[in-house]
Amino acid sequence: MGGFIHYGILPSSYQTLLQDIYTDLQLKLHTEYKLALSERKVFWINIWQRTGKKTGLMVEFDQSRQLD
């Protein structure tokens, strides 16, 4: 499973929240997003990480407080 654990399907309210966050971050990271698309590369966003060392670019987004 590549280090991932599947916990099931999120309730629709959380699905909507994650979709909204993804859209918000696409806008905030527009340049990086467009570059990844043009180069046919994966555009990876680690939206939420409760454990482990936080690394890389930490971007604030409008719904961040709703995740906890």
N, C-alpha and C. Protein backbone atom coordinates (compact mmCIF):
# COMPACT_ATOMS: atom_id res chain seq x y z
N MET A 1 0.81 -1.20 0.00
CA MET A 1 0.00 0.00 0.00
C MET A 1 0.85 1.26 0.00
N GLY A 2 2.13 1.16 -0.09
CA GLY A 2 2.98 2.33 -0.25
C GLY A 2 2.98 3.28 0.93
N GLY A 3 2.74 2.81 2.14
CA GLY A 3 2.77 3.69 3.30
C GLY A 3 1.46 4.39 3.58
N PHE A 4 0.43 4.11 2.81
CA PHE A 4 -0.86 4.75 3.02
C PHE A 4 -1.83 3.77 3.64
N ILE A 5 -2.70 4.28 4.47
CA ILE A 5 -3.75 3.47 5.07
C ILE A 5 -5.08 4.03 4.59
N HIS A 6 -5.92 3.17 4.04
CA HIS A 6 -7.24 3.61 3.57
C HIS A 6 -8.23 3.44 4.71
N TYR A 7 -8.79 4.54 5.18
CA TYR A 7 -9.72 4.51 6.30
C TYR A 7 -11.18 4.53 5.84
N GLY A 8 -11.41 4.49 4.56
CA GLY A 8 -12.78 4.52 4.05
C GLY A 8 -13.06 5.85 3.37
N ILE A 9 -14.31 6.04 3.02
CA ILE A 9 -14.73 7.24 2.30
C ILE A 9 -15.11 8.32 3.30
N LEU A 10 -14.66 9.54 3.02
CA LEU A 10 -15.00 10.68 3.87
C LEU A 10 -16.47 11.05 3.72
N PRO A 11 -17.08 11.55 4.79
CA PRO A 11 -18.43 12.10 4.66
C PRO A 11 -18.41 13.25 3.65
N SER A 12 -19.54 13.50 3.02
CA SER A 12 -19.60 14.50 1.95
C SER A 12 -19.18 15.89 2.41
N SER A 13 -19.44 16.24 3.68
CA SER A 13 -19.03 17.57 4.17
C SER A 13 -17.51 17.71 4.16
N TYR A 14 -16.78 16.65 4.51
CA TYR A 14 -15.32 16.68 4.47
C TYR A 14 -14.80 16.63 3.04
N GLN A 15 -15.49 15.89 2.17
CA GLN A 15 -15.10 15.87 0.76
C GLN A 15 -15.16 17.28 0.18
N THR A 16 -16.24 17.98 0.48
CA THR A 16 -16.40 19.36 0.00
C THR A 16 -15.32 20.26 0.57
N LEU A 17 -15.01 20.11 1.86
CA LEU A 17 -13.97 20.91 2.50
C LEU A 17 -12.63 20.69 1.79
N LEU A 18 -12.26 19.44 1.54
CA LEU A 18 -10.99 19.15 0.88
C LEU A 18 -10.96 19.67 -0.56
N GLN A 19 -12.08 19.58 -1.25
CA GLN A 19 -12.15 20.13 -2.61
C GLN A 19 -11.97 21.64 -2.59
N ASP A 20 -12.60 22.31 -1.62
CA ASP A 20 -12.45 23.76 -1.50
C ASP A 20 -11.01 24.15 -1.17
N ILE A 21 -10.38 23.40 -0.28
CA ILE A 21 -8.98 23.66 0.08
C ILE A 21 -8.08 23.47 -1.14
N TYR A 22 -8.31 22.41 -1.89
CA TYR A 22 -7.50 22.16 -3.09
C TYR A 22 -7.64 23.30 -4.09
N THR A 23 -8.86 23.77 -4.30
CA THR A 23 -9.09 24.89 -5.21
C THR A 23 -8.38 26.15 -4.71
N ASP A 24 -8.49 26.42 -3.41
CA ASP A 24 -7.84 27.59 -2.81
C ASP A 24 -6.32 27.53 -3.00
N LEU A 25 -5.75 26.36 -2.75
CA LEU A 25 -4.30 26.22 -2.89
C LEU A 25 -3.84 26.26 -4.34
N GLN A 26 -4.68 25.78 -5.26
CA GLN A 26 -4.34 25.92 -6.68
C GLN A 26 -4.21 27.39 -7.05
N LEU A 27 -5.08 28.22 -6.51
CA LEU A 27 -5.02 29.65 -6.79
C LEU A 27 -3.79 30.28 -6.14
N LYS A 28 -3.51 29.91 -4.89
CA LYS A 28 -2.36 30.49 -4.18
C LYS A 28 -1.03 30.01 -4.77
N LEU A 29 -1.02 28.81 -5.31
CA LEU A 29 0.20 28.23 -5.88
C LEU A 29 0.08 28.14 -7.41
N HIS A 30 -0.59 29.12 -7.99
CA HIS A 30 -0.92 29.11 -9.41
C HIS A 30 0.30 28.87 -10.30
N THR A 31 1.37 29.59 -10.05
CA THR A 31 2.57 29.46 -10.89
C THR A 31 3.14 28.05 -10.83
N GLU A 32 3.29 27.52 -9.62
CA GLU A 32 3.82 26.17 -9.45
C GLU A 32 2.89 25.13 -10.08
N TYR A 33 1.58 25.35 -9.91
CA TYR A 33 0.58 24.42 -10.46
C TYR A 33 0.65 24.39 -11.98
N LYS A 34 0.68 25.56 -12.61
CA LYS A 34 0.73 25.64 -14.08
C LYS A 34 2.03 25.03 -14.62
N LEU A 35 3.14 25.27 -13.92
CA LEU A 35 4.42 24.70 -14.34
C LEU A 35 4.36 23.17 -14.30
N ALA A 36 3.83 22.62 -13.22
CA ALA A 36 3.70 21.16 -13.11
C ALA A 36 2.83 20.60 -14.22
N LEU A 37 1.72 21.28 -14.52
CA LEU A 37 0.84 20.82 -15.60
C LEU A 37 1.56 20.86 -16.94
N SER A 38 2.27 21.96 -17.20
CA SER A 38 2.94 22.10 -18.50
C SER A 38 4.05 21.06 -18.69
N GLU A 39 4.66 20.65 -17.58
CA GLU A 39 5.73 19.65 -17.65
C GLU A 39 5.21 18.23 -17.41
N ARG A 40 3.88 18.12 -17.29
CA ARG A 40 3.22 16.82 -17.05
C ARG A 40 3.80 16.12 -15.82
N LYS A 41 4.01 16.92 -14.77
CA LYS A 41 4.52 16.40 -13.50
C LYS A 41 3.40 16.38 -12.47
N VAL A 42 3.61 15.62 -11.44
CA VAL A 42 2.65 15.55 -10.34
C VAL A 42 2.69 16.86 -9.56
N PHE A 43 1.52 17.40 -9.26
CA PHE A 43 1.41 18.59 -8.42
C PHE A 43 0.96 18.10 -7.05
N TRP A 44 1.91 17.98 -6.13
CA TRP A 44 1.64 17.38 -4.82
C TRP A 44 1.41 18.47 -3.79
N ILE A 45 0.31 18.35 -3.07
CA ILE A 45 0.03 19.26 -1.96
C ILE A 45 -0.23 18.41 -0.73
N ASN A 46 0.58 18.60 0.31
CA ASN A 46 0.34 17.93 1.58
C ASN A 46 -0.52 18.88 2.41
N ILE A 47 -1.82 18.67 2.36
CA ILE A 47 -2.77 19.60 2.97
C ILE A 47 -2.69 19.57 4.49
N TRP A 48 -2.51 18.40 5.05
CA TRP A 48 -2.59 18.29 6.49
C TRP A 48 -1.68 17.18 6.98
N GLN A 49 -0.91 17.48 7.98
CA GLN A 49 0.01 16.50 8.53
C GLN A 49 0.02 16.65 10.05
N ARG A 50 -0.58 15.70 10.74
CA ARG A 50 -0.65 15.78 12.20
C ARG A 50 0.63 15.30 12.87
N THR A 51 1.31 14.33 12.26
CA THR A 51 2.46 13.74 12.92
C THR A 51 3.71 13.92 12.08
N GLY A 52 4.84 13.73 12.71
CA GLY A 52 6.10 13.80 12.00
C GLY A 52 6.59 15.23 11.85
N LYS A 53 7.76 15.32 11.27
CA LYS A 53 8.40 16.61 11.07
C LYS A 53 7.75 17.35 9.91
N LYS A 54 7.38 18.58 10.15
CA LYS A 54 6.80 19.39 9.09
C LYS A 54 7.94 19.97 8.25
N THR A 55 7.92 19.65 6.97
CA THR A 55 8.99 20.08 6.08
C THR A 55 8.39 20.79 4.87
N GLY A 56 9.24 21.49 4.17
CA GLY A 56 8.81 22.12 2.93
C GLY A 56 8.03 23.40 3.16
N LEU A 57 7.41 23.85 2.11
CA LEU A 57 6.66 25.09 2.12
C LEU A 57 5.35 24.91 2.87
N MET A 58 5.12 25.73 3.87
CA MET A 58 3.86 25.69 4.61
C MET A 58 3.03 26.88 4.13
N VAL A 59 1.91 26.61 3.50
CA VAL A 59 1.07 27.64 2.92
C VAL A 59 -0.22 27.73 3.73
N GLU A 60 -0.53 28.93 4.17
CA GLU A 60 -1.80 29.14 4.86
C GLU A 60 -2.93 29.13 3.84
N PHE A 61 -4.06 28.58 4.23
CA PHE A 61 -5.23 28.61 3.37
C PHE A 61 -6.45 28.89 4.22
N ASP A 62 -7.50 29.38 3.58
CA ASP A 62 -8.66 29.92 4.28
C ASP A 62 -9.31 28.93 5.24
N GLN A 63 -9.32 27.65 4.91
CA GLN A 63 -10.04 26.66 5.70
C GLN A 63 -9.14 25.86 6.64
N SER A 64 -7.92 26.29 6.87
CA SER A 64 -6.96 25.48 7.63
C SER A 64 -7.43 25.15 9.04
N ARG A 65 -8.13 26.04 9.69
CA ARG A 65 -8.58 25.78 11.06
C ARG A 65 -9.69 24.74 11.12
N GLN A 66 -10.37 24.49 10.02
CA GLN A 66 -11.46 23.52 10.00
C GLN A 66 -10.96 22.08 9.98
N LEU A 67 -9.67 21.87 9.75
CA LEU A 67 -9.15 20.51 9.65
C LEU A 67 -8.97 19.84 11.01
N ASP A 68 -8.75 20.59 12.06
CA ASP A 68 -8.61 20.00 13.39
C ASP A 68 -9.93 19.97 14.03
